[in-house]
């Protein structure tokens, strides 16, 4: 019996969990903000232009 490893990448193409530290960056204007624990970057809007943020 062969078991396949289920160690893939997360939904956004990054690691499964990037952890609590780090920052979120706007892909449009480049604004960077500190990552908020429990809130994924892709669910936050840029405070400068309103675009969805990405994990830096």
N, C-alpha and C. Protein backbone atom coordinates (compact mmCIF):
# COMPACT_ATOMS: atom_id res chain seq x y z
N UNK A 1 0.84 -1.17 0.00
CA UNK A 1 0.00 0.00 0.00
C UNK A 1 0.89 1.24 0.00
N UNK A 2 0.61 2.19 -0.88
CA UNK A 2 1.41 3.40 -1.01
C UNK A 2 0.57 4.59 -0.54
N UNK A 3 1.18 5.42 0.31
CA UNK A 3 0.51 6.62 0.78
C UNK A 3 1.16 7.83 0.13
N UNK A 4 0.36 8.70 -0.42
CA UNK A 4 0.88 9.90 -1.05
C UNK A 4 0.96 11.02 -0.03
N UNK A 5 1.99 11.79 -0.12
CA UNK A 5 2.15 12.94 0.76
C UNK A 5 1.18 14.03 0.33
N UNK A 6 0.52 14.63 1.26
CA UNK A 6 -0.44 15.70 0.97
C UNK A 6 0.15 17.07 1.33
N UNK A 7 1.44 17.22 1.15
CA UNK A 7 2.11 18.47 1.48
C UNK A 7 2.16 19.37 0.27
N UNK A 8 1.10 20.09 0.03
CA UNK A 8 1.04 20.99 -1.11
C UNK A 8 1.13 22.44 -0.66
N UNK A 9 0.97 23.33 -1.59
CA UNK A 9 1.01 24.75 -1.28
C UNK A 9 -0.39 25.22 -0.95
N UNK A 10 -0.48 26.35 -0.27
CA UNK A 10 -1.76 26.90 0.14
C UNK A 10 -2.58 27.41 -1.03
N UNK A 11 -3.76 27.94 -0.75
CA UNK A 11 -4.67 28.40 -1.79
C UNK A 11 -4.10 29.53 -2.63
N UNK A 12 -3.31 30.38 -2.04
CA UNK A 12 -2.79 31.54 -2.76
C UNK A 12 -1.41 31.28 -3.37
N UNK A 13 -0.94 30.03 -3.33
CA UNK A 13 0.33 29.69 -3.95
C UNK A 13 1.52 29.81 -3.02
N UNK A 14 1.30 30.29 -1.80
CA UNK A 14 2.39 30.42 -0.84
C UNK A 14 2.46 29.20 0.05
N UNK A 15 3.08 29.40 1.20
CA UNK A 15 3.15 28.30 2.14
C UNK A 15 1.76 28.03 2.71
N UNK A 16 1.59 26.89 3.37
CA UNK A 16 0.28 26.56 3.92
C UNK A 16 -0.19 27.63 4.90
N UNK A 17 0.72 28.10 5.73
CA UNK A 17 0.40 29.17 6.67
C UNK A 17 1.65 30.02 6.82
N UNK A 18 1.55 31.29 6.51
CA UNK A 18 2.71 32.16 6.54
C UNK A 18 3.05 32.62 7.96
N UNK A 19 2.17 32.37 8.92
CA UNK A 19 2.45 32.74 10.30
C UNK A 19 1.95 34.14 10.64
N UNK A 20 2.05 34.51 11.91
CA UNK A 20 1.50 35.79 12.35
C UNK A 20 2.34 37.00 11.98
N UNK A 21 3.64 36.84 11.78
CA UNK A 21 4.50 37.97 11.46
C UNK A 21 4.43 38.28 9.97
N UNK A 22 4.99 39.40 9.59
CA UNK A 22 5.05 39.74 8.18
C UNK A 22 4.23 40.96 7.85
N UNK A 23 4.00 41.15 6.56
CA UNK A 23 3.27 42.32 6.12
C UNK A 23 2.42 42.00 4.89
N UNK A 24 1.50 42.90 4.62
CA UNK A 24 0.64 42.81 3.45
C UNK A 24 1.00 43.97 2.53
N UNK A 25 1.01 43.71 1.23
CA UNK A 25 1.40 44.73 0.27
C UNK A 25 0.34 44.88 -0.81
N UNK A 26 0.10 46.11 -1.22
CA UNK A 26 -0.85 46.38 -2.29
C UNK A 26 -0.14 46.17 -3.63
N UNK A 27 -0.70 45.31 -4.50
CA UNK A 27 -0.07 45.08 -5.80
C UNK A 27 -0.22 46.26 -6.76
N UNK A 28 -1.14 47.19 -6.45
CA UNK A 28 -1.39 48.32 -7.34
C UNK A 28 -0.51 49.53 -7.01
N UNK A 29 -0.56 50.00 -5.75
CA UNK A 29 0.17 51.21 -5.39
C UNK A 29 1.45 50.95 -4.58
N UNK A 30 1.61 49.71 -4.07
CA UNK A 30 2.82 49.37 -3.34
C UNK A 30 2.79 49.65 -1.85
N UNK A 31 1.68 50.15 -1.32
CA UNK A 31 1.54 50.43 0.11
C UNK A 31 1.72 49.14 0.90
N UNK A 32 2.51 49.19 1.98
CA UNK A 32 2.76 48.03 2.83
C UNK A 32 2.22 48.31 4.23
N UNK A 33 1.49 47.34 4.79
CA UNK A 33 0.97 47.45 6.15
C UNK A 33 1.31 46.18 6.91
N UNK A 34 1.36 46.28 8.23
CA UNK A 34 1.64 45.13 9.07
C UNK A 34 0.49 44.13 8.98
N UNK A 35 0.84 42.84 8.90
CA UNK A 35 -0.17 41.79 8.84
C UNK A 35 -0.91 41.70 10.16
N UNK A 36 -2.24 41.57 10.11
CA UNK A 36 -3.07 41.43 11.30
C UNK A 36 -3.35 39.95 11.52
N UNK A 37 -3.06 39.47 12.72
CA UNK A 37 -3.26 38.06 13.05
C UNK A 37 -4.73 37.68 12.87
N UNK A 38 -4.98 36.58 12.18
CA UNK A 38 -6.34 36.06 11.99
C UNK A 38 -7.06 36.61 10.78
N UNK A 39 -6.46 37.60 10.09
CA UNK A 39 -7.09 38.18 8.90
C UNK A 39 -6.14 38.01 7.72
N UNK A 40 -6.48 37.16 6.75
CA UNK A 40 -5.61 36.97 5.60
C UNK A 40 -5.45 38.28 4.81
N UNK A 41 -4.28 38.50 4.25
CA UNK A 41 -4.02 39.73 3.50
C UNK A 41 -5.02 39.90 2.36
N UNK A 42 -5.38 38.80 1.69
CA UNK A 42 -6.29 38.92 0.54
C UNK A 42 -7.70 39.34 0.93
N UNK A 43 -8.00 39.38 2.24
CA UNK A 43 -9.31 39.86 2.70
C UNK A 43 -9.26 41.32 3.14
N UNK A 44 -8.07 41.93 3.11
CA UNK A 44 -7.92 43.32 3.51
C UNK A 44 -7.84 44.22 2.29
N UNK A 45 -8.39 45.42 2.41
CA UNK A 45 -8.30 46.40 1.34
C UNK A 45 -7.17 47.37 1.67
N UNK A 46 -6.49 47.85 0.65
CA UNK A 46 -5.42 48.82 0.81
C UNK A 46 -6.00 50.11 1.38
N UNK A 47 -5.39 50.67 2.44
CA UNK A 47 -5.91 51.91 3.02
C UNK A 47 -5.70 53.12 2.10
N UNK A 48 -4.83 52.99 1.13
CA UNK A 48 -4.53 54.10 0.22
C UNK A 48 -5.42 54.11 -1.02
N UNK A 49 -5.58 52.93 -1.68
CA UNK A 49 -6.32 52.91 -2.95
C UNK A 49 -7.51 51.95 -2.97
N UNK A 50 -7.65 51.08 -1.95
CA UNK A 50 -8.81 50.19 -1.87
C UNK A 50 -8.65 48.83 -2.55
N UNK A 51 -7.50 48.56 -3.17
CA UNK A 51 -7.25 47.29 -3.84
C UNK A 51 -7.01 46.20 -2.80
N UNK A 52 -7.35 44.94 -3.12
CA UNK A 52 -7.10 43.82 -2.22
C UNK A 52 -5.60 43.65 -2.05
N UNK A 53 -5.17 43.40 -0.81
CA UNK A 53 -3.76 43.24 -0.48
C UNK A 53 -3.29 41.82 -0.76
N UNK A 54 -1.97 41.63 -0.84
CA UNK A 54 -1.35 40.31 -0.98
C UNK A 54 -0.29 40.17 0.09
N UNK A 55 0.06 38.92 0.44
CA UNK A 55 1.07 38.67 1.46
C UNK A 55 2.45 38.95 0.89
N UNK A 56 3.24 39.68 1.63
CA UNK A 56 4.59 40.01 1.18
C UNK A 56 5.55 38.96 1.64
